[in-house]
Amino acid sequence: MSYENWKGKAQWFQTMDVRHIQGSFFEGLKKRAEALEVGEGLHIIQTFEPHPLYAVMEGLGYEHHTEQRGEAEFHVWFCRVEKKEGDSSAPFKPLALLNYPMIKVSASVR
């Protein structure tokens, strides 16, 4: 299946705007994702492209489609195309928690 096959359903997906959430939103997202049926999905709005989340959601049977709508605004739609049981023992990679625009880099030049 591909985005073309399910894009008509995407407007009905549950939206989670996680741009202002401090800390990890993963546990809440995973619970919602595990509860959805084939053909249902989630719409995530984030300030960066959540690459590590793609693999986690794929492991649960999801496909994704991503659109960048601003310098720090990414919309990702995940549609469940098959029912897979995720590996709940696998830790979520910390890389997904990075919010690059919020990282402050300071350097002193001498």
N, C-alpha and C. Protein backbone atom coordinates (compact mmCIF):
# COMPACT_ATOMS: atom_id res chain seq x y z
N MET A 1 0.85 -1.17 0.00
CA MET A 1 0.00 0.00 0.00
C MET A 1 0.90 1.24 0.00
N SER A 2 0.37 2.34 -0.45
CA SER A 2 1.15 3.58 -0.47
C SER A 2 0.24 4.74 -0.07
N TYR A 3 0.87 5.90 0.11
CA TYR A 3 0.14 7.10 0.50
C TYR A 3 -1.04 7.37 -0.43
N GLU A 4 -0.86 7.15 -1.71
CA GLU A 4 -1.94 7.39 -2.68
C GLU A 4 -3.18 6.57 -2.34
N ASN A 5 -2.99 5.39 -1.74
CA ASN A 5 -4.13 4.52 -1.41
C ASN A 5 -4.88 4.97 -0.16
N TRP A 6 -4.24 5.70 0.74
CA TRP A 6 -4.91 6.08 1.98
C TRP A 6 -4.98 7.57 2.25
N LYS A 7 -4.49 8.41 1.34
CA LYS A 7 -4.47 9.86 1.59
C LYS A 7 -5.87 10.43 1.78
N GLY A 8 -6.89 9.85 1.19
CA GLY A 8 -8.25 10.32 1.37
C GLY A 8 -8.77 10.15 2.79
N LYS A 9 -8.18 9.25 3.53
CA LYS A 9 -8.57 9.01 4.93
C LYS A 9 -7.81 9.91 5.91
N ALA A 10 -6.70 10.49 5.46
CA ALA A 10 -5.79 11.21 6.36
C ALA A 10 -6.46 12.37 7.09
N GLN A 11 -7.45 12.98 6.49
CA GLN A 11 -8.12 14.11 7.16
C GLN A 11 -8.87 13.67 8.41
N TRP A 12 -9.13 12.39 8.55
CA TRP A 12 -9.86 11.87 9.72
C TRP A 12 -8.93 11.32 10.79
N PHE A 13 -7.62 11.32 10.56
CA PHE A 13 -6.67 10.79 11.53
C PHE A 13 -6.61 11.68 12.77
N GLN A 14 -6.36 11.05 13.92
CA GLN A 14 -6.18 11.79 15.17
C GLN A 14 -4.93 12.65 15.04
N THR A 15 -5.03 13.92 15.45
CA THR A 15 -3.89 14.84 15.38
C THR A 15 -3.24 14.98 16.75
N MET A 16 -1.92 14.87 16.77
CA MET A 16 -1.12 15.11 17.97
C MET A 16 -0.09 16.18 17.63
N ASP A 17 -0.32 17.39 18.15
CA ASP A 17 0.64 18.48 17.95
C ASP A 17 1.61 18.44 19.12
N VAL A 18 2.82 17.95 18.87
CA VAL A 18 3.80 17.75 19.95
C VAL A 18 4.90 18.81 19.95
N ARG A 19 4.67 19.90 19.24
CA ARG A 19 5.70 20.94 19.12
C ARG A 19 6.06 21.58 20.45
N HIS A 20 5.14 21.63 21.37
CA HIS A 20 5.40 22.33 22.63
C HIS A 20 5.49 21.39 23.83
N ILE A 21 5.54 20.10 23.57
CA ILE A 21 5.64 19.14 24.67
C ILE A 21 7.09 19.05 25.11
N GLN A 22 7.31 19.23 26.40
CA GLN A 22 8.64 19.07 26.98
C GLN A 22 8.83 17.60 27.35
N GLY A 23 9.94 17.02 26.98
CA GLY A 23 10.19 15.62 27.29
C GLY A 23 9.63 14.71 26.21
N SER A 24 9.52 13.45 26.53
CA SER A 24 9.12 12.43 25.57
C SER A 24 7.60 12.32 25.46
N PHE A 25 7.12 12.31 24.25
CA PHE A 25 5.70 12.08 23.97
C PHE A 25 5.48 10.66 23.48
N PHE A 26 6.56 9.87 23.44
CA PHE A 26 6.51 8.56 22.81
C PHE A 26 5.52 7.58 23.45
N GLU A 27 5.48 7.49 24.75
CA GLU A 27 4.59 6.51 25.39
C GLU A 27 3.13 6.76 25.03
N GLY A 28 2.71 8.01 25.06
CA GLY A 28 1.34 8.35 24.69
C GLY A 28 1.06 8.04 23.23
N LEU A 29 2.01 8.35 22.38
CA LEU A 29 1.87 8.08 20.96
C LEU A 29 1.78 6.58 20.71
N LYS A 30 2.64 5.82 21.37
CA LYS A 30 2.67 4.37 21.16
C LYS A 30 1.35 3.73 21.60
N LYS A 31 0.79 4.17 22.72
CA LYS A 31 -0.49 3.63 23.19
C LYS A 31 -1.60 3.90 22.18
N ARG A 32 -1.62 5.12 21.66
CA ARG A 32 -2.63 5.44 20.64
C ARG A 32 -2.42 4.59 19.39
N ALA A 33 -1.17 4.48 18.96
CA ALA A 33 -0.86 3.73 17.74
C ALA A 33 -1.23 2.26 17.87
N GLU A 34 -0.96 1.67 19.02
CA GLU A 34 -1.27 0.26 19.22
C GLU A 34 -2.77 0.00 19.23
N ALA A 35 -3.57 1.00 19.62
CA ALA A 35 -5.02 0.83 19.72
C ALA A 35 -5.74 0.99 18.39
N LEU A 36 -5.09 1.56 17.40
CA LEU A 36 -5.76 1.81 16.13
C LEU A 36 -5.85 0.54 15.28
N GLU A 37 -6.87 0.53 14.45
CA GLU A 37 -7.10 -0.60 13.54
C GLU A 37 -6.51 -0.28 12.17
N VAL A 38 -6.43 -1.30 11.32
CA VAL A 38 -5.96 -1.12 9.94
C VAL A 38 -6.87 -0.10 9.26
N GLY A 39 -6.27 0.86 8.57
CA GLY A 39 -7.01 1.91 7.90
C GLY A 39 -7.14 3.18 8.71
N GLU A 40 -6.83 3.12 10.00
CA GLU A 40 -6.85 4.30 10.86
C GLU A 40 -5.44 4.85 10.97
N GLY A 41 -5.32 6.08 11.51
CA GLY A 41 -3.98 6.64 11.59
C GLY A 41 -3.86 7.82 12.52
N LEU A 42 -2.65 8.37 12.54
CA LEU A 42 -2.29 9.51 13.37
C LEU A 42 -1.65 10.58 12.51
N HIS A 43 -1.87 11.82 12.89
CA HIS A 43 -1.25 12.98 12.24
C HIS A 43 -0.41 13.67 13.31
N ILE A 44 0.90 13.64 13.16
CA ILE A 44 1.83 14.21 14.13
C ILE A 44 2.37 15.52 13.56
N ILE A 45 2.37 16.56 14.40
CA ILE A 45 2.97 17.84 14.02
C ILE A 45 4.16 18.06 14.94
N GLN A 46 5.34 18.27 14.35
CA GLN A 46 6.58 18.38 15.12
C GLN A 46 7.44 19.49 14.52
N THR A 47 8.41 19.95 15.27
CA THR A 47 9.30 21.02 14.81
C THR A 47 10.50 20.50 14.01
N PHE A 48 10.64 19.20 13.92
CA PHE A 48 11.72 18.58 13.15
C PHE A 48 11.19 17.29 12.56
N GLU A 49 11.86 16.78 11.55
CA GLU A 49 11.42 15.52 10.94
C GLU A 49 11.82 14.37 11.85
N PRO A 50 10.85 13.61 12.35
CA PRO A 50 11.12 12.57 13.35
C PRO A 50 11.57 11.23 12.73
N HIS A 51 12.75 11.22 12.13
CA HIS A 51 13.24 10.03 11.43
C HIS A 51 13.16 8.74 12.26
N PRO A 52 13.62 8.70 13.51
CA PRO A 52 13.58 7.44 14.26
C PRO A 52 12.16 6.93 14.51
N LEU A 53 11.20 7.82 14.53
CA LEU A 53 9.81 7.42 14.74
C LEU A 53 9.29 6.59 13.57
N TYR A 54 9.82 6.82 12.38
CA TYR A 54 9.38 6.07 11.21
C TYR A 54 9.57 4.57 11.40
N ALA A 55 10.74 4.17 11.88
CA ALA A 55 11.03 2.74 12.07
C ALA A 55 10.15 2.13 13.16
N VAL A 56 9.93 2.89 14.23
CA VAL A 56 9.10 2.39 15.33
C VAL A 56 7.68 2.15 14.83
N MET A 57 7.14 3.11 14.10
CA MET A 57 5.76 2.98 13.60
C MET A 57 5.66 1.90 12.53
N GLU A 58 6.69 1.77 11.71
CA GLU A 58 6.70 0.70 10.71
C GLU A 58 6.63 -0.65 11.40
N GLY A 59 7.31 -0.77 12.53
CA GLY A 59 7.28 -2.01 13.30
C GLY A 59 5.89 -2.36 13.83
N LEU A 60 5.01 -1.36 13.92
CA LEU A 60 3.64 -1.58 14.35
C LEU A 60 2.69 -1.76 13.17
N GLY A 61 3.23 -1.66 11.93
CA GLY A 61 2.40 -1.87 10.74
C GLY A 61 1.93 -0.59 10.07
N TYR A 62 2.66 0.51 10.28
CA TYR A 62 2.27 1.81 9.73
C TYR A 62 3.14 2.21 8.55
N GLU A 63 2.54 2.95 7.63
CA GLU A 63 3.26 3.67 6.59
C GLU A 63 3.17 5.15 6.95
N HIS A 64 4.04 5.97 6.37
CA HIS A 64 3.99 7.39 6.68
C HIS A 64 4.11 8.26 5.44
N HIS A 65 3.66 9.48 5.60
CA HIS A 65 3.83 10.52 4.59
C HIS A 65 4.19 11.79 5.34
N THR A 66 5.24 12.49 4.88
CA THR A 66 5.73 13.69 5.57
C THR A 66 5.68 14.90 4.65
N GLU A 67 5.26 16.02 5.24
CA GLU A 67 5.29 17.30 4.53
C GLU A 67 5.93 18.34 5.44
N GLN A 68 6.87 19.09 4.89
CA GLN A 68 7.46 20.21 5.63
C GLN A 68 6.69 21.45 5.23
N ARG A 69 6.08 22.13 6.21
CA ARG A 69 5.24 23.29 5.91
C ARG A 69 5.84 24.61 6.39
N GLY A 70 7.01 24.53 6.95
CA GLY A 70 7.72 25.72 7.40
C GLY A 70 9.10 25.32 7.82
N GLU A 71 9.92 26.30 8.20
CA GLU A 71 11.29 26.00 8.59
C GLU A 71 11.34 25.00 9.74
N ALA A 72 10.41 25.12 10.68
CA ALA A 72 10.39 24.21 11.84
C ALA A 72 8.98 23.67 12.04
N GLU A 73 8.36 23.21 10.94
CA GLU A 73 7.02 22.63 11.05
C GLU A 73 6.89 21.46 10.08
N PHE A 74 6.82 20.27 10.67
CA PHE A 74 6.68 19.04 9.90
C PHE A 74 5.37 18.36 10.27
N HIS A 75 4.64 17.93 9.26
CA HIS A 75 3.40 17.18 9.45
C HIS A 75 3.67 15.76 8.93
N VAL A 76 3.42 14.78 9.79
CA VAL A 76 3.63 13.39 9.41
C VAL A 76 2.33 12.63 9.65
N TRP A 77 1.86 11.97 8.62
CA TRP A 77 0.67 11.13 8.73
C TRP A 77 1.12 9.68 8.74
N PHE A 78 0.61 8.93 9.70
CA PHE A 78 0.90 7.50 9.81
C PHE A 78 -0.41 6.76 9.62
N CYS A 79 -0.43 5.83 8.69
CA CYS A 79 -1.62 5.01 8.46
C CYS A 79 -1.28 3.55 8.74
N ARG A 80 -2.13 2.91 9.52
CA ARG A 80 -1.90 1.50 9.82
C ARG A 80 -2.38 0.67 8.64
N VAL A 81 -1.46 -0.01 8.00
CA VAL A 81 -1.78 -0.81 6.82
C VAL A 81 -1.81 -2.30 7.13
N GLU A 82 -1.28 -2.67 8.28
CA GLU A 82 -1.37 -4.05 8.75
C GLU A 82 -1.22 -4.05 10.26
N LYS A 83 -1.74 -5.07 10.89
CA LYS A 83 -1.69 -5.17 12.35
C LYS A 83 -0.45 -5.96 12.72
N LYS A 84 0.53 -5.26 13.29
CA LYS A 84 1.76 -5.90 13.78
C LYS A 84 1.86 -5.59 15.26
N GLU A 85 2.43 -6.50 15.99
CA GLU A 85 2.71 -6.26 17.41
C GLU A 85 4.12 -5.72 17.51
N GLY A 86 4.26 -4.54 18.07
CA GLY A 86 5.58 -3.94 18.23
C GLY A 86 6.36 -4.65 19.32
N ASP A 87 7.67 -4.51 19.27
CA ASP A 87 8.54 -5.08 20.29
C ASP A 87 8.59 -4.11 21.46
N SER A 88 7.76 -4.34 22.46
CA SER A 88 7.67 -3.41 23.59
C SER A 88 8.93 -3.43 24.46
N SER A 89 9.79 -4.42 24.27
CA SER A 89 11.01 -4.47 25.07
C SER A 89 12.11 -3.60 24.45
N ALA A 90 11.93 -3.20 23.20
CA ALA A 90 12.95 -2.38 22.53
C ALA A 90 12.83 -0.94 23.00
N PRO A 91 13.91 -0.39 23.51
CA PRO A 91 13.85 1.01 23.98
C PRO A 91 13.74 1.96 22.80
N PHE A 92 13.07 3.07 23.02
CA PHE A 92 12.95 4.10 22.00
C PHE A 92 14.27 4.84 21.94
N LYS A 93 14.79 5.02 20.77
CA LYS A 93 16.09 5.65 20.61
C LYS A 93 16.05 7.13 21.00
N PRO A 94 16.98 7.58 21.82
CA PRO A 94 16.99 8.98 22.27
C PRO A 94 17.07 10.00 21.15
N LEU A 95 17.58 9.60 19.99
CA LEU A 95 17.70 10.52 18.88
C LEU A 95 16.35 11.15 18.54
N ALA A 96 15.28 10.39 18.70
CA ALA A 96 13.95 10.90 18.36
C ALA A 96 13.53 12.03 19.28
N LEU A 97 14.15 12.13 20.42
CA LEU A 97 13.76 13.16 21.37
C LEU A 97 14.46 14.49 21.12
N LEU A 98 15.47 14.46 20.26
CA LEU A 98 16.20 15.69 19.98
C LEU A 98 15.32 16.67 19.24
N ASN A 99 15.40 17.89 19.64
CA ASN A 99 14.68 18.94 18.95
C ASN A 99 15.74 19.93 18.51
N TYR A 100 16.26 19.75 17.33
CA TYR A 100 17.40 20.51 16.86
C TYR A 100 17.26 22.02 17.00
N PRO A 101 16.10 22.61 16.70
CA PRO A 101 16.01 24.07 16.84
C PRO A 101 16.16 24.55 18.28
N MET A 102 15.92 23.67 19.26
CA MET A 102 15.99 24.09 20.66
C MET A 102 17.38 23.93 21.25
N ILE A 103 18.28 23.29 20.51
CA ILE A 103 19.63 23.08 21.02
C ILE A 103 20.41 24.38 20.86
N LYS A 104 20.98 24.82 21.97
CA LYS A 104 21.77 26.05 21.92
C LYS A 104 23.24 25.67 21.91
N VAL A 105 23.94 26.18 20.95
CA VAL A 105 25.37 25.89 20.84
C VAL A 105 26.12 27.18 21.19
N SER A 106 27.04 27.06 22.11
CA SER A 106 27.87 28.21 22.42
C SER A 106 29.32 27.84 22.26
N ALA A 107 30.06 28.76 21.74
CA ALA A 107 31.50 28.52 21.56
C ALA A 107 32.23 29.81 21.87
N SER A 108 33.37 29.65 22.45
CA SER A 108 34.19 30.84 22.70
C SER A 108 35.40 30.76 21.78
N VAL A 109 35.66 31.85 21.15
CA VAL A 109 36.79 31.92 20.24
C VAL A 109 37.87 32.74 20.91
N ARG A 110 39.07 32.22 20.98
CA ARG A 110 40.18 32.94 21.62
C ARG A 110 41.27 33.19 20.62
